[in-house]
Amino acid sequence: MAYVSEEKARRALDPVAEARIEAIWDGSAIDLVEFHAGIAREARSLIRQVMTRNWSLRSADACQLASAIYVGATDFHTYDARLFRFGDLCGFPVRSPLVEPSLKW
């Protein structure tokens, strides 16, 4: 996340919003993963597997899913509903983010 919807609507940055975004990244459930050949191979494998189902998977999305597999994710949250069907291939549910009402801004 780089900005919140209010910033986008106003086309103006808000330091309070930036601090909230930073808080999400610091000590959160988000893992940053260094891309490497093993993740690239897993991404390629996912792309090949979905082809047999007559689906398609973009390389960037395959790399994100492969990274989640690499870190042993138990859940994958995305706003991209096209990725929801890939959960069974990855071994974890792929779904919309769950946000506590108190965290909405």
PDB file of N, CA and C in Angstrom:
ATOM      1  N   MET A   1       0.848  -1.157   0.000  1.00  0.00           N
ATOM      2  CA  MET A   1       0.000   0.000   0.000  1.00  0.00           C
ATOM      3  C   MET A   1       0.902   1.231   0.000  1.00  0.00           C
ATOM      4  N   ALA A   2       0.613   2.138  -0.931  1.00  0.00           N
ATOM      5  CA  ALA A   2       1.417   3.355  -1.040  1.00  0.00           C
ATOM      6  C   ALA A   2       0.657   4.600  -0.618  1.00  0.00           C
ATOM      7  N   TYR A   3      -0.665   4.567  -0.730  1.00  0.00           N
ATOM      8  CA  TYR A   3      -1.479   5.716  -0.352  1.00  0.00           C
ATOM      9  C   TYR A   3      -2.886   5.238  -0.017  1.00  0.00           C
ATOM     10  N   VAL A   4      -3.654   6.097   0.634  1.00  0.00           N
ATOM     11  CA  VAL A   4      -5.041   5.746   0.977  1.00  0.00           C
ATOM     12  C   VAL A   4      -5.974   6.436  -0.005  1.00  0.00           C
ATOM     13  N   SER A   5      -7.208   5.973  -0.050  1.00  0.00           N
ATOM     14  CA  SER A   5      -8.160   6.462  -1.055  1.00  0.00           C
ATOM     15  C   SER A   5      -8.400   7.970  -0.950  1.00  0.00           C
ATOM     16  N   GLU A   6      -8.405   8.516   0.264  1.00  0.00           N
ATOM     17  CA  GLU A   6      -8.618   9.949   0.416  1.00  0.00           C
ATOM     18  C   GLU A   6      -7.479  10.749  -0.212  1.00  0.00           C
ATOM     19  N   GLU A   7      -6.250  10.251  -0.078  1.00  0.00           N
ATOM     20  CA  GLU A   7      -5.116  10.926  -0.708  1.00  0.00           C
ATOM     21  C   GLU A   7      -5.261  10.907  -2.222  1.00  0.00           C
ATOM     22  N   LYS A   8      -5.663   9.771  -2.748  1.00  0.00           N
ATOM     23  CA  LYS A   8      -5.827   9.652  -4.194  1.00  0.00           C
ATOM     24  C   LYS A   8      -6.929  10.590  -4.682  1.00  0.00           C
ATOM     25  N   ALA A   9      -8.044  10.627  -3.962  1.00  0.00           N
ATOM     26  CA  ALA A   9      -9.160  11.482  -4.365  1.00  0.00           C
ATOM     27  C   ALA A   9      -8.760  12.958  -4.365  1.00  0.00           C
ATOM     28  N   ARG A  10      -7.980  13.367  -3.365  1.00  0.00           N
ATOM     29  CA  ARG A  10      -7.558  14.766  -3.249  1.00  0.00           C
ATOM     30  C   ARG A  10      -6.296  15.059  -4.059  1.00  0.00           C
ATOM     31  N   ARG A  11      -5.619  14.008  -4.512  1.00  0.00           N
ATOM     32  CA  ARG A  11      -4.323  14.140  -5.176  1.00  0.00           C
ATOM     33  C   ARG A  11      -3.351  14.915  -4.304  1.00  0.00           C
ATOM     34  N   ALA A  12      -3.413  14.600  -2.997  1.00  0.00           N
ATOM     35  CA  ALA A  12      -2.543  15.261  -2.019  1.00  0.00           C
ATOM     36  C   ALA A  12      -2.136  14.248  -0.961  1.00  0.00           C
ATOM     37  N   LEU A  13      -0.881  14.277  -0.572  1.00  0.00           N
ATOM     38  CA  LEU A  13      -0.376  13.359   0.438  1.00  0.00           C
ATOM     39  C   LEU A  13      -0.667  13.883   1.836  1.00  0.00           C
ATOM     40  N   ASP A  14      -0.899  12.947   2.756  1.00  0.00           N
ATOM     41  CA  ASP A  14      -1.224  13.287   4.141  1.00  0.00           C
ATOM     42  C   ASP A  14      -0.212  12.584   5.037  1.00  0.00           C
ATOM     43  N   PRO A  15       0.568  13.320   5.841  1.00  0.00           N
ATOM     44  CA  PRO A  15       1.574  12.688   6.692  1.00  0.00           C
ATOM     45  C   PRO A  15       0.974  11.723   7.717  1.00  0.00           C
ATOM     46  N   VAL A  16      -0.245  11.975   8.169  1.00  0.00           N
ATOM     47  CA  VAL A  16      -0.895  11.063   9.110  1.00  0.00           C
ATOM     48  C   VAL A  16      -1.195   9.734   8.420  1.00  0.00           C
ATOM     49  N   ALA A  17      -1.683   9.799   7.198  1.00  0.00           N
ATOM     50  CA  ALA A  17      -1.953   8.575   6.438  1.00  0.00           C
ATOM     51  C   ALA A  17      -0.656   7.807   6.190  1.00  0.00           C
ATOM     52  N   GLU A  18       0.410   8.534   5.876  1.00  0.00           N
ATOM     53  CA  GLU A  18       1.699   7.874   5.652  1.00  0.00           C
ATOM     54  C   GLU A  18       2.174   7.152   6.912  1.00  0.00           C
ATOM     55  N   ALA A  19       1.988   7.763   8.060  1.00  0.00           N
ATOM     56  CA  ALA A  19       2.376   7.123   9.321  1.00  0.00           C
ATOM     57  C   ALA A  19       1.547   5.860   9.557  1.00  0.00           C
ATOM     58  N   ARG A  20       0.284   5.899   9.210  1.00  0.00           N
ATOM     59  CA  ARG A  20      -0.565   4.707   9.365  1.00  0.00           C
ATOM     60  C   ARG A  20      -0.118   3.595   8.422  1.00  0.00           C
ATOM     61  N   ILE A  21       0.219   3.974   7.200  1.00  0.00           N
ATOM     62  CA  ILE A  21       0.711   2.976   6.239  1.00  0.00           C
ATOM     63  C   ILE A  21       2.005   2.363   6.757  1.00  0.00           C
ATOM     64  N   GLU A  22       2.897   3.187   7.257  1.00  0.00           N
ATOM     65  CA  GLU A  22       4.170   2.687   7.798  1.00  0.00           C
ATOM     66  C   GLU A  22       3.936   1.729   8.953  1.00  0.00           C
ATOM     67  N   ALA A  23       2.940   2.018   9.786  1.00  0.00           N
ATOM     68  CA  ALA A  23       2.620   1.148  10.927  1.00  0.00           C
ATOM     69  C   ALA A  23       2.160  -0.226  10.464  1.00  0.00           C
ATOM     70  N   ILE A  24       1.499  -0.278   9.327  1.00  0.00           N
ATOM     71  CA  ILE A  24       1.066  -1.579   8.787  1.00  0.00           C
ATOM     72  C   ILE A  24       2.280  -2.439   8.463  1.00  0.00           C
ATOM     73  N   TRP A  25       3.316  -1.825   7.884  1.00  0.00           N
ATOM     74  CA  TRP A  25       4.501  -2.557   7.477  1.00  0.00           C
ATOM     75  C   TRP A  25       5.407  -2.923   8.653  1.00  0.00           C
ATOM     76  N   ASP A  26       5.471  -2.076   9.665  1.00  0.00           N
ATOM     77  CA  ASP A  26       6.346  -2.331  10.811  1.00  0.00           C
ATOM     78  C   ASP A  26       5.720  -3.349  11.752  1.00  0.00           C
ATOM     79  N   GLY A  27       6.364  -4.481  11.908  1.00  0.00           N
ATOM     80  CA  GLY A  27       5.906  -5.479  12.864  1.00  0.00           C
ATOM     81  C   GLY A  27       4.566  -6.090  12.548  1.00  0.00           C
ATOM     82  N   SER A  28       4.196  -6.094  11.298  1.00  0.00           N
ATOM     83  CA  SER A  28       2.890  -6.620  10.924  1.00  0.00           C
ATOM     84  C   SER A  28       3.005  -8.058  10.432  1.00  0.00           C
ATOM     85  N   ALA A  29       1.913  -8.544   9.935  1.00  0.00           N
ATOM     86  CA  ALA A  29       1.871  -9.898   9.387  1.00  0.00           C
ATOM     87  C   ALA A  29       2.389  -9.935   7.956  1.00  0.00           C
ATOM     88  N   ILE A  30       2.863  -8.814   7.450  1.00  0.00           N
ATOM     89  CA  ILE A  30       3.394  -8.753   6.091  1.00  0.00           C
ATOM     90  C   ILE A  30       4.858  -9.168   6.126  1.00  0.00           C
ATOM     91  N   ASP A  31       5.198 -10.170   5.324  1.00  0.00           N
ATOM     92  CA  ASP A  31       6.586 -10.610   5.217  1.00  0.00           C
ATOM     93  C   ASP A  31       7.177 -10.085   3.913  1.00  0.00           C
ATOM     94  N   LEU A  32       8.320  -9.438   3.999  1.00  0.00           N
ATOM     95  CA  LEU A  32       9.049  -9.045   2.802  1.00  0.00           C
ATOM     96  C   LEU A  32       9.987 -10.187   2.436  1.00  0.00           C
ATOM     97  N   VAL A  33       9.952 -10.576   1.183  1.00  0.00           N
ATOM     98  CA  VAL A  33      10.701 -11.742   0.732  1.00  0.00           C
ATOM     99  C   VAL A  33      11.653 -11.330  -0.387  1.00  0.00           C
ATOM    100  N   GLU A  34      12.913 -11.696  -0.244  1.00  0.00           N
ATOM    101  CA  GLU A  34      13.898 -11.452  -1.293  1.00  0.00           C
ATOM    102  C   GLU A  34      13.651 -12.448  -2.426  1.00  0.00           C
ATOM    103  N   PHE A  35      13.468 -11.942  -3.624  1.00  0.00           N
ATOM    104  CA  PHE A  35      13.221 -12.810  -4.783  1.00  0.00           C
ATOM    105  C   PHE A  35      14.495 -13.587  -5.107  1.00  0.00           C
ATOM    106  N   HIS A  36      14.339 -14.873  -5.423  1.00  0.00           N
ATOM    107  CA  HIS A  36      15.489 -15.707  -5.783  1.00  0.00           C
ATOM    108  C   HIS A  36      15.037 -16.795  -6.759  1.00  0.00           C
ATOM    109  N   ALA A  37      15.994 -17.575  -7.220  1.00  0.00           N
ATOM    110  CA  ALA A  37      15.721 -18.573  -8.261  1.00  0.00           C
ATOM    111  C   ALA A  37      14.674 -19.603  -7.830  1.00  0.00           C
ATOM    112  N   GLY A  38      14.661 -19.976  -6.561  1.00  0.00           N
ATOM    113  CA  GLY A  38      13.674 -20.950  -6.090  1.00  0.00           C
ATOM    114  C   GLY A  38      12.252 -20.417  -6.221  1.00  0.00           C
ATOM    115  N   ILE A  39      12.064 -19.149  -5.907  1.00  0.00           N
ATOM    116  CA  ILE A  39      10.742 -18.536  -6.061  1.00  0.00           C
ATOM    117  C   ILE A  39      10.391 -18.441  -7.541  1.00  0.00           C
ATOM    118  N   ALA A  40      11.368 -18.101  -8.372  1.00  0.00           N
ATOM    119  CA  ALA A  40      11.128 -18.023  -9.812  1.00  0.00           C
ATOM    120  C   ALA A  40      10.687 -19.381 -10.359  1.00  0.00           C
ATOM    121  N   ARG A  41      11.321 -20.451  -9.908  1.00  0.00           N
ATOM    122  CA  ARG A  41      10.935 -21.797 -10.371  1.00  0.00           C
ATOM    123  C   ARG A  41       9.529 -22.159  -9.907  1.00  0.00           C
ATOM    124  N   GLU A  42       9.198 -21.807  -8.672  1.00  0.00           N
ATOM    125  CA  GLU A  42       7.846 -22.065  -8.160  1.00  0.00           C
ATOM    126  C   GLU A  42       6.816 -21.270  -8.955  1.00  0.00           C
ATOM    127  N   ALA A  43       7.136 -20.024  -9.272  1.00  0.00           N
ATOM    128  CA  ALA A  43       6.229 -19.196 -10.072  1.00  0.00           C
ATOM    129  C   ALA A  43       6.014 -19.828 -11.443  1.00  0.00           C
ATOM    130  N   ARG A  44       7.094 -20.282 -12.060  1.00  0.00           N
ATOM    131  CA  ARG A  44       6.982 -20.953 -13.358  1.00  0.00           C
ATOM    132  C   ARG A  44       6.110 -22.195 -13.249  1.00  0.00           C
ATOM    133  N   SER A  45       6.289 -22.944 -12.181  1.00  0.00           N
ATOM    134  CA  SER A  45       5.477 -24.144 -11.966  1.00  0.00           C
ATOM    135  C   SER A  45       3.990 -23.802 -11.852  1.00  0.00           C
ATOM    136  N   LEU A  46       3.683 -22.741 -11.124  1.00  0.00           N
ATOM    137  CA  LEU A  46       2.285 -22.322 -10.998  1.00  0.00           C
ATOM    138  C   LEU A  46       1.704 -21.936 -12.359  1.00  0.00           C
ATOM    139  N   ILE A  47       2.469 -21.174 -13.137  1.00  0.00           N
ATOM    140  CA  ILE A  47       2.005 -20.758 -14.462  1.00  0.00           C
ATOM    141  C   ILE A  47       1.755 -21.982 -15.338  1.00  0.00           C
ATOM    142  N   ARG A  48       2.626 -22.973 -15.261  1.00  0.00           N
ATOM    143  CA  ARG A  48       2.454 -24.199 -16.055  1.00  0.00           C
ATOM    144  C   ARG A  48       1.236 -24.987 -15.588  1.00  0.00           C
ATOM    145  N   GLN A  49       1.038 -25.065 -14.261  1.00  0.00           N
ATOM    146  CA  GLN A  49      -0.107 -25.817 -13.730  1.00  0.00           C
ATOM    147  C   GLN A  49      -1.435 -25.189 -14.135  1.00  0.00           C
ATOM    148  N   VAL A  50      -1.531 -23.871 -14.076  1.00  0.00           N
ATOM    149  CA  VAL A  50      -2.814 -23.236 -14.405  1.00  0.00           C
ATOM    150  C   VAL A  50      -3.131 -23.360 -15.881  1.00  0.00           C
ATOM    151  N   MET A  51      -2.109 -23.474 -16.726  1.00  0.00           N
ATOM    152  CA  MET A  51      -2.334 -23.659 -18.155  1.00  0.00           C
ATOM    153  C   MET A  51      -3.117 -24.944 -18.409  1.00  0.00           C
ATOM    154  N   THR A  52      -2.859 -25.984 -17.612  1.00  0.00           N
ATOM    155  CA  THR A  52      -3.563 -27.258 -17.814  1.00  0.00           C
ATOM    156  C   THR A  52      -5.047 -27.145 -17.458  1.00  0.00           C
ATOM    157  N   ARG A  53      -5.408 -26.098 -16.713  1.00  0.00           N
ATOM    158  CA  ARG A  53      -6.813 -25.852 -16.358  1.00  0.00           C
ATOM    159  C   ARG A  53      -7.458 -24.836 -17.303  1.00  0.00           C
ATOM    160  N   ASN A  54      -6.701 -24.437 -18.321  1.00  0.00           N
ATOM    161  CA  ASN A  54      -7.142 -23.423 -19.272  1.00  0.00           C
ATOM    162  C   ASN A  54      -7.330 -22.063 -18.591  1.00  0.00           C
ATOM    163  N   TRP A  55      -6.517 -21.799 -17.569  1.00  0.00           N
ATOM    164  CA  TRP A  55      -6.492 -20.518 -16.887  1.00  0.00           C
ATOM    165  C   TRP A  55      -5.206 -19.805 -17.292  1.00  0.00           C
ATOM    166  N   SER A  56      -5.085 -18.570 -16.876  1.00  0.00           N
ATOM    167  CA  SER A  56      -3.822 -17.861 -17.073  1.00  0.00           C
ATOM    168  C   SER A  56      -3.436 -17.180 -15.765  1.00  0.00           C
ATOM    169  N   LEU A  57      -2.151 -16.972 -15.613  1.00  0.00           N
ATOM    170  CA  LEU A  57      -1.613 -16.345 -14.410  1.00  0.00           C
ATOM    171  C   LEU A  57      -0.460 -15.453 -14.843  1.00  0.00           C
ATOM    172  N   ARG A  58      -0.563 -14.172 -14.534  1.00  0.00           N
ATOM    173  CA  ARG A  58       0.496 -13.229 -14.895  1.00  0.00           C
ATOM    174  C   ARG A  58       1.748 -13.525 -14.081  1.00  0.00           C
ATOM    175  N   SER A  59       2.893 -13.240 -14.660  1.00  0.00           N
ATOM    176  CA  SER A  59       4.175 -13.516 -14.006  1.00  0.00           C
ATOM    177  C   SER A  59       4.290 -12.836 -12.648  1.00  0.00           C
ATOM    178  N   ALA A  60       3.899 -11.568 -12.561  1.00  0.00           N
ATOM    179  CA  ALA A  60       4.000 -10.843 -11.289  1.00  0.00           C
ATOM    180  C   ALA A  60       3.128 -11.494 -10.222  1.00  0.00           C
ATOM    181  N   ASP A  61       1.917 -11.913 -10.605  1.00  0.00           N
ATOM    182  CA  ASP A  61       1.033 -12.582  -9.652  1.00  0.00           C
ATOM    183  C   ASP A  61       1.594 -13.940  -9.248  1.00  0.00           C
ATOM    184  N   ALA A  62       2.162 -14.653 -10.204  1.00  0.00           N
ATOM    185  CA  ALA A  62       2.768 -15.951  -9.899  1.00  0.00           C
ATOM    186  C   ALA A  62       3.935 -15.783  -8.925  1.00  0.00           C
ATOM    187  N   CYS A  63       4.717 -14.722  -9.086  1.00  0.00           N
ATOM    188  CA  CYS A  63       5.837 -14.465  -8.170  1.00  0.00           C
ATOM    189  C   CYS A  63       5.339 -14.154  -6.763  1.00  0.00           C
ATOM    190  N   GLN A  64       4.249 -13.414  -6.653  1.00  0.00           N
ATOM    191  CA  GLN A  64       3.689 -13.124  -5.328  1.00  0.00           C
ATOM    192  C   GLN A  64       3.173 -14.396  -4.663  1.00  0.00           C
ATOM    193  N   LEU A  65       2.454 -15.210  -5.416  1.00  0.00           N
ATOM    194  CA  LEU A  65       1.942 -16.462  -4.846  1.00  0.00           C
ATOM    195  C   LEU A  65       3.093 -17.403  -4.488  1.00  0.00           C
ATOM    196  N   ALA A  66       4.096 -17.484  -5.358  1.00  0.00           N
ATOM    197  CA  ALA A  66       5.254 -18.339  -5.089  1.00  0.00           C
ATOM    198  C   ALA A  66       6.009 -17.863  -3.846  1.00  0.00           C
ATOM    199  N   SER A  67       6.094 -16.560  -3.651  1.00  0.00           N
ATOM    200  CA  SER A  67       6.737 -16.020  -2.446  1.00  0.00           C
ATOM    201  C   SER A  67       5.966 -16.426  -1.202  1.00  0.00           C
ATOM    202  N   ALA A  68       4.646 -16.391  -1.289  1.00  0.00           N
ATOM    203  CA  ALA A  68       3.812 -16.803  -0.154  1.00  0.00           C
ATOM    204  C   ALA A  68       4.007 -18.285   0.150  1.00  0.00           C
ATOM    205  N   ILE A  69       4.108 -19.089  -0.886  1.00  0.00           N
ATOM    206  CA  ILE A  69       4.386 -20.522  -0.684  1.00  0.00           C
ATOM    207  C   ILE A  69       5.734 -20.683   0.013  1.00  0.00           C
ATOM    208  N   TYR A  70       6.735 -19.940  -0.449  1.00  0.00           N
ATOM    209  CA  TYR A  70       8.088 -20.037   0.103  1.00  0.00           C
ATOM    210  C   TYR A  70       8.132 -19.733   1.600  1.00  0.00           C
ATOM    211  N   VAL A  71       7.388 -18.717   2.050  1.00  0.00           N
ATOM    212  CA  VAL A  71       7.424 -18.358   3.473  1.00  0.00           C
ATOM    213  C   VAL A  71       6.466 -19.193   4.313  1.00  0.00           C
ATOM    214  N   GLY A  72       5.724 -20.099   3.677  1.00  0.00           N
ATOM    215  CA  GLY A  72       4.803 -20.944   4.424  1.00  0.00           C
ATOM    216  C   GLY A  72       3.534 -20.212   4.843  1.00  0.00           C
ATOM    217  N   ALA A  73       3.081 -19.313   3.994  1.00  0.00           N
ATOM    218  CA  ALA A  73       1.864 -18.551   4.311  1.00  0.00           C
ATOM    219  C   ALA A  73       0.687 -19.493   4.553  1.00  0.00           C
ATOM    220  N   THR A  74      -0.183 -19.085   5.436  1.00  0.00           N
ATOM    221  CA  THR A  74      -1.404 -19.845   5.694  1.00  0.00           C
ATOM    222  C   THR A  74      -2.619 -19.132   5.132  1.00  0.00           C
ATOM    223  N   ASP A  75      -2.414 -17.934   4.619  1.00  0.00           N
ATOM    224  CA  ASP A  75      -3.484 -17.091   4.091  1.00  0.00           C
ATOM    225  C   ASP A  75      -2.856 -16.093   3.130  1.00  0.00           C
ATOM    226  N   PHE A  76      -3.566 -15.745   2.067  1.00  0.00           N
ATOM    227  CA  PHE A  76      -3.077 -14.756   1.106  1.00  0.00           C
ATOM    228  C   PHE A  76      -4.213 -13.796   0.836  1.00  0.00           C
ATOM    229  N   HIS A  77      -4.019 -12.525   1.183  1.00  0.00           N
ATOM    230  CA  HIS A  77      -5.066 -11.524   1.012  1.00  0.00           C
ATOM    231  C   HIS A  77      -4.740 -10.639  -0.180  1.00  0.00           C
ATOM    232  N   THR A  78      -5.736 -10.422  -1.027  1.00  0.00           N
ATOM    233  CA  THR A  78      -5.577  -9.573  -2.206  1.00  0.00           C
ATOM    234  C   THR A  78      -6.915  -8.961  -2.577  1.00  0.00           C
ATOM    235  N   TYR A  79      -6.858  -7.804  -3.207  1.00  0.00           N
ATOM    236  CA  TYR A  79      -8.072  -7.195  -3.747  1.00  0.00           C
ATOM    237  C   TYR A  79      -8.330  -7.676  -5.175  1.00  0.00           C
ATOM    238  N   ASP A  80      -7.427  -8.472  -5.724  1.00  0.00           N
ATOM    239  CA  ASP A  80      -7.551  -8.979  -7.092  1.00  0.00           C
ATOM    240  C   ASP A  80      -8.319 -10.298  -7.082  1.00  0.00           C
ATOM    241  N   ALA A  81      -9.601 -10.221  -7.326  1.00  0.00           N
ATOM    242  CA  ALA A  81     -10.467 -11.410  -7.270  1.00  0.00           C
ATOM    243  C   ALA A  81     -10.060 -12.476  -8.283  1.00  0.00           C
ATOM    244  N   ARG A  82      -9.299 -12.102  -9.307  1.00  0.00           N
ATOM    245  CA  ARG A  82      -8.849 -13.105 -10.284  1.00  0.00           C
ATOM    246  C   ARG A  82      -7.935 -14.145  -9.649  1.00  0.00           C
ATOM    247  N   LEU A  83      -7.323 -13.810  -8.521  1.00  0.00           N
ATOM    248  CA  LEU A  83      -6.388 -14.735  -7.881  1.00  0.00           C
ATOM    249  C   LEU A  83      -7.056 -15.711  -6.916  1.00  0.00           C
ATOM    250  N   PHE A  84      -8.318 -15.480  -6.574  1.00  0.00           N
ATOM    251  CA  PHE A  84      -8.989 -16.311  -5.572  1.00  0.00           C
ATOM    252  C   PHE A  84      -8.969 -17.792  -5.941  1.00  0.00           C
ATOM    253  N   ARG A  85      -9.093 -18.115  -7.207  1.00  0.00           N
ATOM    254  CA  ARG A  85      -9.187 -19.525  -7.603  1.00  0.00           C
ATOM    255  C   ARG A  85      -7.868 -20.292  -7.499  1.00  0.00           C
ATOM    256  N   PHE A  86      -6.769 -19.603  -7.233  1.00  0.00           N
ATOM    257  CA  PHE A  86      -5.472 -20.270  -7.189  1.00  0.00           C
ATOM    258  C   PHE A  86      -5.116 -20.836  -5.815  1.00  0.00           C
ATOM    259  N   GLY A  87      -5.968 -20.636  -4.847  1.00  0.00           N
ATOM    260  CA  GLY A  87      -5.677 -21.094  -3.493  1.00  0.00           C
ATOM    261  C   GLY A  87      -5.406 -22.583  -3.385  1.00  0.00           C
ATOM    262  N   ASP A  88      -6.188 -23.391  -4.077  1.00  0.00           N
ATOM    263  CA  ASP A  88      -5.984 -24.840  -3.964  1.00  0.00           C
ATOM    264  C   ASP A  88      -4.631 -25.266  -4.515  1.00  0.00           C
ATOM    265  N   LEU A  89      -4.123 -24.573  -5.519  1.00  0.00           N
ATOM    266  CA  LEU A  89      -2.790 -24.886  -6.046  1.00  0.00           C
ATOM    267  C   LEU A  89      -1.681 -24.477  -5.089  1.00  0.00           C
ATOM    268  N   CYS A  90      -1.949 -23.436  -4.302  1.00  0.00           N
ATOM    269  CA  CYS A  90      -0.930 -22.893  -3.403  1.00  0.00           C
ATOM    270  C   CYS A  90      -0.949 -23.527  -2.017  1.00  0.00           C
ATOM    271  N   GLY A  91      -2.071 -24.111  -1.641  1.00  0.00           N
ATOM    272  CA  GLY A  91      -2.158 -24.746  -0.330  1.00  0.00           C
ATOM    273  C   GLY A  91      -2.631 -23.814   0.773  1.00  0.00           C
ATOM    274  N   PHE A  92      -3.186 -22.673   0.412  1.00  0.00           N
ATOM    275  CA  PHE A  92      -3.744 -21.739   1.387  1.00  0.00           C
ATOM    276  C   PHE A  92      -4.863 -20.966   0.701  1.00  0.00           C
ATOM    277  N   PRO A  93      -5.805 -20.429   1.493  1.00  0.00           N
ATOM    278  CA  PRO A  93      -6.875 -19.641   0.879  1.00  0.00           C
ATOM    279  C   PRO A  93      -6.354 -18.314   0.338  1.00  0.00           C
ATOM    280  N   VAL A  94      -6.871 -17.929  -0.814  1.00  0.00           N
ATOM    281  CA  VAL A  94      -6.590 -16.627  -1.411  1.00  0.00           C
ATOM    282  C   VAL A  94      -7.917 -15.879  -1.396  1.00  0.00           C
ATOM    283  N   ARG A  95      -7.954 -14.761  -0.675  1.00  0.00           N
ATOM    284  CA  ARG A  95      -9.225 -14.062  -0.477  1.00  0.00           C
ATOM    285  C   ARG A  95      -9.019 -12.570  -0.236  1.00  0.00           C
ATOM    286  N   SER A  96     -10.148 -11.872  -0.111  1.00  0.00           N
ATOM    287  CA  SER A  96     -10.120 -10.437   0.165  1.00  0.00           C
ATOM    288  C   SER A  96      -9.538 -10.186   1.548  1.00  0.00           C
ATOM    289  N   PRO A  97      -8.876  -9.043   1.723  1.00  0.00           N
ATOM    290  CA  PRO A  97      -8.341  -8.692   3.042  1.00  0.00           C
ATOM    291  C   PRO A  97      -9.449  -8.573   4.088  1.00  0.00           C
ATOM    292  N   LEU A  98      -9.117  -8.962   5.287  1.00  0.00           N
ATOM    293  CA  LEU A  98     -10.029  -8.818   6.412  1.00  0.00           C
ATOM    294  C   LEU A  98      -9.557  -7.620   7.210  1.00  0.00           C
ATOM    295  N   VAL A  99     -10.409  -6.629   7.360  1.00  0.00           N
ATOM    296  CA  VAL A  99     -10.034  -5.408   8.066  1.00  0.00           C
ATOM    297  C   VAL A  99     -10.938  -5.199   9.248  1.00  0.00           C
ATOM    298  N   GLU A 100     -10.350  -5.005  10.418  1.00  0.00           N
ATOM    299  CA  GLU A 100     -11.115  -4.682  11.595  1.00  0.00           C
ATOM    300  C   GLU A 100     -11.753  -3.315  11.393  1.00  0.00           C
ATOM    301  N   PRO A 101     -13.027  -3.143  11.773  1.00  0.00           N
ATOM    302  CA  PRO A 101     -13.691  -1.841  11.586  1.00  0.00           C
ATOM    303  C   PRO A 101     -12.909  -0.679  12.190  1.00  0.00           C
ATOM    304  N   SER A 102     -12.224  -0.908  13.282  1.00  0.00           N
ATOM    305  CA  SER A 102     -11.469   0.178  13.930  1.00  0.00           C
ATOM    306  C   SER A 102     -10.243   0.591  13.134  1.00  0.00           C
ATOM    307  N   LEU A 103      -9.811  -0.253  12.162  1.00  0.00           N
ATOM    308  CA  LEU A 103      -8.627   0.065  11.371  1.00  0.00           C
ATOM    309  C   LEU A 103      -8.951   0.783  10.080  1.00  0.00           C
ATOM    310  N   LYS A 104     -10.228   0.907   9.735  1.00  0.00           N
ATOM    311  CA  LYS A 104     -10.579   1.612   8.503  1.00  0.00           C
ATOM    312  C   LYS A 104     -10.291   3.089   8.675  1.00  0.00           C
ATOM    313  N   TRP A 105      -9.846   3.724   7.604  1.00  0.00           N
ATOM    314  CA  TRP A 105      -9.538   5.124   7.658  1.00  0.00           C
ATOM    315  C   TRP A 105     -10.189   5.785   6.517  1.00  0.00           C
TER     316      TRP A 105
END
